[in-house]
Amino acid sequence: MSEVLFAFSDPVPGPDGITWAARACGAQLENGLWEGWLEFIPDTGGEFVASPRETTQPNRADTLYWATGLTPVYLE
């Protein structure tokens, strides 16, 4: 089951003028490792867009640590 690990406070500007709220999500895999990805929600409403897997970590704490280290430039 996936969960939101971290919600970024600054909106991410898109090339079309829409701004996006970004959040880092994660889920435990069958082998016990955790995967992490990003989700972006448009400020105009509608469906979120998810990235492919961005990281694989040994546990939830390390996945959260990965998420909190992401910079605004990475999110863009």
Protein backbone atom coordinates (compact mmCIF):
# COMPACT_ATOMS: atom_id res chain seq x y z
CA MET A 1 0.00 0.00 0.00
CA SER A 2 1.39 3.39 -0.96
CA GLU A 3 1.54 6.42 1.27
CA VAL A 4 2.44 10.08 1.02
CA LEU A 5 5.77 10.45 2.79
CA PHE A 6 6.41 14.15 2.32
CA ALA A 7 4.53 17.12 0.82
CA PHE A 8 6.69 19.91 -0.57
CA SER A 9 5.70 23.43 0.47
CA ASP A 10 6.71 25.30 -2.68
CA PRO A 11 4.67 24.86 -5.86
CA VAL A 12 6.46 23.58 -8.96
CA PRO A 13 6.01 25.69 -12.11
CA GLY A 14 5.12 23.85 -15.29
CA PRO A 15 6.08 24.86 -18.83
CA ASP A 16 2.44 25.66 -19.63
CA GLY A 17 1.98 28.12 -16.76
CA ILE A 18 0.21 25.65 -14.49
CA THR A 19 1.74 25.23 -11.04
CA TRP A 20 1.85 21.85 -9.38
CA ALA A 21 1.86 20.69 -5.77
CA ALA A 22 4.50 18.01 -5.35
CA ARG A 23 4.59 15.13 -2.91
CA ALA A 24 6.89 12.17 -2.42
CA CYS A 25 5.21 8.81 -2.07
CA GLY A 26 6.45 5.37 -1.18
CA ALA A 27 5.44 1.77 -0.78
CA GLN A 28 6.99 -1.37 0.56
CA LEU A 29 7.80 -4.00 -2.03
CA GLU A 30 7.25 -7.73 -1.58
CA ASN A 31 10.97 -8.21 -0.87
CA GLY A 32 10.83 -5.71 2.02
CA LEU A 33 12.57 -2.85 0.20
CA TRP A 34 10.82 0.47 -0.31
CA GLU A 35 10.30 2.32 -3.57
CA GLY A 36 9.77 6.05 -3.85
CA TRP A 37 8.25 8.23 -6.56
CA LEU A 38 6.87 11.72 -7.01
CA GLU A 39 3.31 12.83 -7.59
CA PHE A 40 2.31 16.23 -8.94
CA ILE A 41 -1.18 17.70 -8.48
CA PRO A 42 -2.18 20.60 -10.79
CA ASP A 43 -3.39 23.77 -9.09
CA THR A 44 -6.23 23.84 -11.62
CA GLY A 45 -7.64 20.60 -10.22
CA GLY A 46 -7.81 17.25 -11.90
CA GLU A 47 -5.76 14.09 -11.85
CA PHE A 48 -2.27 13.91 -10.43
CA VAL A 49 0.72 12.84 -12.51
CA ALA A 50 3.12 10.28 -11.06
CA SER A 51 6.74 9.77 -11.98
CA PRO A 52 8.19 6.32 -12.47
CA ARG A 53 10.14 4.89 -9.54
CA GLU A 54 12.76 7.44 -8.46
CA THR A 55 14.50 5.42 -5.75
CA THR A 56 14.68 2.07 -4.00
CA GLN A 57 15.66 2.12 -0.33
CA PRO A 58 16.07 -0.52 2.38
CA ASN A 59 13.31 0.85 4.62
CA ARG A 60 10.67 3.56 5.08
CA ALA A 61 12.96 5.84 7.10
CA ASP A 62 15.56 5.90 4.32
CA THR A 63 12.85 6.56 1.73
CA LEU A 64 11.62 9.52 3.78
CA TYR A 65 15.21 10.76 4.08
CA TRP A 66 15.53 10.58 0.27
CA ALA A 67 12.33 12.60 -0.11
CA THR A 68 13.36 15.34 2.31
CA GLY A 69 16.65 15.81 0.47
CA LEU A 70 15.05 16.65 -2.88
CA THR A 71 15.53 20.21 -4.07
CA PRO A 72 13.14 22.45 -6.02
CA VAL A 73 15.43 22.11 -9.06
CA TYR A 74 15.07 18.31 -8.91
CA LEU A 75 11.28 18.64 -8.78
CA GLU A 76 11.26 20.86 -11.87
